[in-house]
Amino acid sequence: MHVENGVPEANIQLALVIHGGAVKDLTRTDVYEAGAGEPNANAELVAALLDYGVSIEVCGQSAAAQGVSANDLLPGVEMALSAMTAHALLQQDGYTLNPF
């Protein structure tokens, strides 16, 4: 949408902070399949987002509550101490929060 309206792609940097039960959607296919009984349909999308330079961080507190470790995450997905910490650090780096 932004590129179509004249914003250079190089000027767009996105970061996702995932928390709650959604952290399971960012686990490796073998981990996801062990819990859900089916392959992780999100793995391809996550890989594509990472290829475009999107930073993806998982709330460490939510991960702990869901029994998810940093080693369980899809390649390229990072574990933050908490979603609150991730948001604060991203804002220090110039990101803005877009809660929709």
N, C-alpha and C. Protein backbone atom coordinates (compact mmCIF):
# COMPACT_ATOMS: atom_id res chain seq x y z
N MET A 1 0.83 -1.18 0.00
CA MET A 1 0.00 0.00 0.00
C MET A 1 0.88 1.26 0.00
N HIS A 2 1.87 1.28 0.87
CA HIS A 2 2.73 2.46 0.95
C HIS A 2 3.60 2.61 -0.30
N VAL A 3 4.17 1.50 -0.76
CA VAL A 3 5.00 1.55 -1.96
C VAL A 3 4.16 2.00 -3.15
N GLU A 4 2.95 1.48 -3.25
CA GLU A 4 2.05 1.87 -4.34
C GLU A 4 1.73 3.35 -4.32
N ASN A 5 1.91 3.97 -3.15
CA ASN A 5 1.61 5.40 -3.02
C ASN A 5 2.87 6.24 -2.86
N GLY A 6 3.99 5.73 -3.34
CA GLY A 6 5.18 6.53 -3.45
C GLY A 6 6.23 6.42 -2.36
N VAL A 7 5.99 5.63 -1.34
CA VAL A 7 7.00 5.47 -0.29
C VAL A 7 8.03 4.45 -0.79
N PRO A 8 9.30 4.82 -0.85
CA PRO A 8 10.31 3.85 -1.30
C PRO A 8 10.35 2.64 -0.35
N GLU A 9 10.43 1.46 -0.95
CA GLU A 9 10.46 0.23 -0.15
C GLU A 9 11.60 0.26 0.86
N ALA A 10 12.71 0.88 0.50
CA ALA A 10 13.87 0.97 1.40
C ALA A 10 13.55 1.77 2.66
N ASN A 11 12.51 2.58 2.64
CA ASN A 11 12.13 3.39 3.79
C ASN A 11 11.12 2.71 4.70
N ILE A 12 10.78 1.48 4.38
CA ILE A 12 9.78 0.76 5.17
C ILE A 12 10.47 -0.36 5.94
N GLN A 13 10.39 -0.29 7.25
CA GLN A 13 10.93 -1.34 8.11
C GLN A 13 9.82 -1.78 9.05
N LEU A 14 9.56 -3.07 9.06
CA LEU A 14 8.49 -3.60 9.89
C LEU A 14 9.04 -4.56 10.93
N ALA A 15 8.37 -4.58 12.06
CA ALA A 15 8.68 -5.53 13.13
C ALA A 15 7.37 -6.05 13.69
N LEU A 16 7.33 -7.32 13.95
CA LEU A 16 6.16 -7.94 14.58
C LEU A 16 6.56 -8.43 15.96
N VAL A 17 5.71 -8.15 16.94
CA VAL A 17 5.90 -8.68 18.29
C VAL A 17 4.70 -9.56 18.58
N ILE A 18 4.96 -10.83 18.79
CA ILE A 18 3.91 -11.82 18.96
C ILE A 18 3.84 -12.23 20.43
N HIS A 19 2.62 -12.30 20.97
CA HIS A 19 2.46 -12.72 22.36
C HIS A 19 1.20 -13.57 22.50
N GLY A 20 1.02 -14.09 23.71
CA GLY A 20 -0.14 -14.95 23.97
C GLY A 20 0.01 -16.30 23.28
N GLY A 21 -1.10 -16.94 23.06
CA GLY A 21 -1.12 -18.27 22.44
C GLY A 21 -0.57 -18.29 21.03
N ALA A 22 -0.50 -17.12 20.39
CA ALA A 22 0.01 -17.05 19.02
C ALA A 22 1.48 -17.42 18.91
N VAL A 23 2.21 -17.45 20.03
CA VAL A 23 3.62 -17.82 19.94
C VAL A 23 3.78 -19.23 19.40
N LYS A 24 2.81 -20.09 19.63
CA LYS A 24 2.88 -21.45 19.10
C LYS A 24 2.86 -21.47 17.57
N ASP A 25 2.28 -20.44 16.97
CA ASP A 25 2.24 -20.36 15.52
C ASP A 25 3.60 -20.05 14.90
N LEU A 26 4.58 -19.73 15.74
CA LEU A 26 5.92 -19.42 15.25
C LEU A 26 6.93 -20.48 15.64
N THR A 27 6.43 -21.67 15.98
CA THR A 27 7.34 -22.76 16.32
C THR A 27 7.69 -23.58 15.09
N ARG A 28 8.86 -24.23 15.17
CA ARG A 28 9.31 -25.11 14.09
C ARG A 28 8.22 -26.11 13.76
N THR A 29 8.21 -26.55 12.52
CA THR A 29 7.17 -27.46 12.05
C THR A 29 7.09 -28.71 12.90
N ASP A 30 8.23 -29.29 13.30
CA ASP A 30 8.19 -30.52 14.10
C ASP A 30 7.57 -30.27 15.47
N VAL A 31 7.88 -29.11 16.07
CA VAL A 31 7.32 -28.76 17.38
C VAL A 31 5.83 -28.48 17.24
N TYR A 32 5.47 -27.72 16.24
CA TYR A 32 4.07 -27.37 16.00
C TYR A 32 3.25 -28.64 15.75
N GLU A 33 3.78 -29.50 14.89
CA GLU A 33 3.05 -30.72 14.52
C GLU A 33 2.87 -31.65 15.72
N ALA A 34 3.87 -31.68 16.62
CA ALA A 34 3.75 -32.52 17.81
C ALA A 34 2.58 -32.06 18.67
N GLY A 35 2.33 -30.75 18.72
CA GLY A 35 1.24 -30.23 19.55
C GLY A 35 -0.09 -30.16 18.83
N ALA A 36 -0.07 -29.83 17.54
CA ALA A 36 -1.31 -29.60 16.80
C ALA A 36 -1.74 -30.79 15.94
N GLY A 37 -0.82 -31.71 15.70
CA GLY A 37 -1.16 -32.87 14.88
C GLY A 37 -1.15 -32.58 13.39
N GLU A 38 -0.65 -31.40 13.00
CA GLU A 38 -0.55 -31.05 11.58
C GLU A 38 0.63 -30.11 11.40
N PRO A 39 1.15 -30.01 10.18
CA PRO A 39 2.30 -29.13 9.93
C PRO A 39 1.96 -27.66 10.20
N ASN A 40 2.98 -26.88 10.47
CA ASN A 40 2.80 -25.46 10.73
C ASN A 40 2.61 -24.73 9.40
N ALA A 41 1.38 -24.34 9.12
CA ALA A 41 1.06 -23.64 7.88
C ALA A 41 1.63 -22.23 7.84
N ASN A 42 2.11 -21.73 8.98
CA ASN A 42 2.67 -20.38 9.05
C ASN A 42 4.14 -20.32 8.66
N ALA A 43 4.81 -21.44 8.59
CA ALA A 43 6.26 -21.47 8.37
C ALA A 43 6.65 -20.77 7.07
N GLU A 44 5.93 -21.00 6.02
CA GLU A 44 6.25 -20.39 4.72
C GLU A 44 6.06 -18.87 4.77
N LEU A 45 4.98 -18.42 5.38
CA LEU A 45 4.73 -16.98 5.51
C LEU A 45 5.81 -16.31 6.36
N VAL A 46 6.16 -16.93 7.48
CA VAL A 46 7.20 -16.38 8.36
C VAL A 46 8.52 -16.27 7.60
N ALA A 47 8.87 -17.30 6.84
CA ALA A 47 10.12 -17.27 6.07
C ALA A 47 10.09 -16.13 5.04
N ALA A 48 8.95 -15.94 4.39
CA ALA A 48 8.83 -14.86 3.40
C ALA A 48 8.96 -13.50 4.06
N LEU A 49 8.34 -13.31 5.22
CA LEU A 49 8.44 -12.04 5.93
C LEU A 49 9.88 -11.76 6.34
N LEU A 50 10.55 -12.77 6.84
CA LEU A 50 11.96 -12.62 7.24
C LEU A 50 12.82 -12.28 6.02
N ASP A 51 12.53 -12.92 4.88
CA ASP A 51 13.27 -12.62 3.65
C ASP A 51 13.11 -11.17 3.23
N TYR A 52 11.97 -10.57 3.54
CA TYR A 52 11.73 -9.16 3.22
C TYR A 52 12.31 -8.23 4.28
N GLY A 53 12.93 -8.80 5.30
CA GLY A 53 13.57 -7.97 6.31
C GLY A 53 12.70 -7.63 7.50
N VAL A 54 11.55 -8.26 7.62
CA VAL A 54 10.67 -8.03 8.78
C VAL A 54 11.30 -8.70 10.00
N SER A 55 11.39 -7.96 11.08
CA SER A 55 11.88 -8.50 12.35
C SER A 55 10.68 -9.13 13.07
N ILE A 56 10.84 -10.36 13.53
CA ILE A 56 9.76 -11.05 14.24
C ILE A 56 10.28 -11.46 15.61
N GLU A 57 9.62 -10.96 16.64
CA GLU A 57 10.02 -11.25 18.01
C GLU A 57 8.85 -11.86 18.77
N VAL A 58 9.16 -12.83 19.58
CA VAL A 58 8.18 -13.51 20.41
C VAL A 58 8.35 -13.06 21.85
N CYS A 59 7.25 -12.80 22.52
CA CYS A 59 7.27 -12.46 23.94
C CYS A 59 7.76 -13.66 24.74
N GLY A 60 8.87 -13.47 25.45
CA GLY A 60 9.43 -14.56 26.25
C GLY A 60 8.52 -15.01 27.38
N GLN A 61 7.73 -14.09 27.93
CA GLN A 61 6.81 -14.44 29.01
C GLN A 61 5.67 -15.31 28.48
N SER A 62 5.13 -14.94 27.33
CA SER A 62 4.08 -15.76 26.72
C SER A 62 4.63 -17.11 26.31
N ALA A 63 5.85 -17.10 25.76
CA ALA A 63 6.47 -18.36 25.34
C ALA A 63 6.62 -19.30 26.54
N ALA A 64 7.10 -18.77 27.66
CA ALA A 64 7.26 -19.59 28.86
C ALA A 64 5.92 -20.16 29.31
N ALA A 65 4.88 -19.34 29.27
CA ALA A 65 3.55 -19.79 29.68
C ALA A 65 3.01 -20.87 28.73
N GLN A 66 3.45 -20.82 27.47
CA GLN A 66 2.98 -21.80 26.48
C GLN A 66 3.92 -23.00 26.36
N GLY A 67 5.00 -23.01 27.15
CA GLY A 67 5.96 -24.12 27.09
C GLY A 67 6.83 -24.08 25.84
N VAL A 68 7.06 -22.89 25.30
CA VAL A 68 7.85 -22.74 24.08
C VAL A 68 9.22 -22.15 24.44
N SER A 69 10.29 -22.80 23.98
CA SER A 69 11.64 -22.30 24.23
C SER A 69 12.16 -21.61 22.97
N ALA A 70 13.26 -20.88 23.10
CA ALA A 70 13.87 -20.21 21.95
C ALA A 70 14.27 -21.23 20.88
N ASN A 71 14.67 -22.42 21.29
CA ASN A 71 15.05 -23.46 20.33
C ASN A 71 13.86 -24.02 19.56
N ASP A 72 12.65 -23.78 20.07
CA ASP A 72 11.44 -24.27 19.41
C ASP A 72 11.00 -23.36 18.26
N LEU A 73 11.55 -22.15 18.19
CA LEU A 73 11.07 -21.16 17.23
C LEU A 73 11.57 -21.43 15.82
N LEU A 74 10.78 -20.97 14.86
CA LEU A 74 11.20 -21.06 13.46
C LEU A 74 12.50 -20.29 13.27
N PRO A 75 13.34 -20.72 12.32
CA PRO A 75 14.60 -20.01 12.08
C PRO A 75 14.35 -18.52 11.77
N GLY A 76 15.13 -17.66 12.43
CA GLY A 76 15.02 -16.23 12.20
C GLY A 76 14.10 -15.51 13.17
N VAL A 77 13.24 -16.24 13.86
CA VAL A 77 12.35 -15.63 14.85
C VAL A 77 13.13 -15.49 16.15
N GLU A 78 13.06 -14.32 16.75
CA GLU A 78 13.83 -14.03 17.96
C GLU A 78 12.94 -14.09 19.20
N MET A 79 13.54 -14.41 20.33
CA MET A 79 12.85 -14.42 21.62
C MET A 79 13.21 -13.15 22.37
N ALA A 80 12.22 -12.36 22.73
CA ALA A 80 12.42 -11.16 23.54
C ALA A 80 12.14 -11.52 25.00
N LEU A 81 12.64 -10.70 25.90
CA LEU A 81 12.35 -10.92 27.32
C LEU A 81 10.85 -10.88 27.56
N SER A 82 10.20 -9.89 26.97
CA SER A 82 8.74 -9.75 27.07
C SER A 82 8.28 -8.92 25.88
N ALA A 83 6.99 -8.94 25.62
CA ALA A 83 6.43 -8.09 24.55
C ALA A 83 6.63 -6.62 24.92
N MET A 84 6.43 -6.29 26.18
CA MET A 84 6.58 -4.91 26.63
C MET A 84 8.01 -4.43 26.40
N THR A 85 8.99 -5.27 26.71
CA THR A 85 10.39 -4.91 26.50
C THR A 85 10.68 -4.77 25.01
N ALA A 86 10.17 -5.70 24.21
CA ALA A 86 10.39 -5.63 22.75
C ALA A 86 9.83 -4.33 22.19
N HIS A 87 8.62 -3.97 22.60
CA HIS A 87 8.01 -2.72 22.12
C HIS A 87 8.85 -1.51 22.53
N ALA A 88 9.31 -1.48 23.77
CA ALA A 88 10.11 -0.35 24.25
C ALA A 88 11.41 -0.23 23.47
N LEU A 89 12.09 -1.34 23.23
CA LEU A 89 13.36 -1.31 22.49
C LEU A 89 13.15 -0.92 21.04
N LEU A 90 12.09 -1.43 20.44
CA LEU A 90 11.78 -1.06 19.05
C LEU A 90 11.46 0.44 18.95
N GLN A 91 10.74 0.96 19.93
CA GLN A 91 10.42 2.39 19.91
C GLN A 91 11.69 3.22 20.06
N GLN A 92 12.65 2.76 20.85
CA GLN A 92 13.93 3.46 20.96
C GLN A 92 14.66 3.49 19.63
N ASP A 93 14.41 2.48 18.80
CA ASP A 93 15.04 2.38 17.47
C ASP A 93 14.24 3.13 16.41
N GLY A 94 13.18 3.84 16.81
CA GLY A 94 12.42 4.64 15.86
C GLY A 94 11.15 4.01 15.35
N TYR A 95 10.83 2.82 15.78
CA TYR A 95 9.58 2.19 15.37
C TYR A 95 8.42 2.83 16.14
N THR A 96 7.24 2.78 15.57
CA THR A 96 6.05 3.24 16.26
C THR A 96 5.09 2.06 16.40
N LEU A 97 4.29 2.09 17.40
CA LEU A 97 3.33 1.03 17.67
C LEU A 97 2.07 1.26 16.84
N ASN A 98 1.62 0.20 16.16
CA ASN A 98 0.41 0.28 15.36
C ASN A 98 -0.54 -0.84 15.80
N PRO A 99 -1.19 -0.65 16.95
CA PRO A 99 -2.11 -1.70 17.44
C PRO A 99 -3.47 -1.59 16.75
N PHE A 100 -3.75 -2.52 15.90
CA PHE A 100 -5.05 -2.48 15.22
C PHE A 100 -5.82 -3.74 15.47
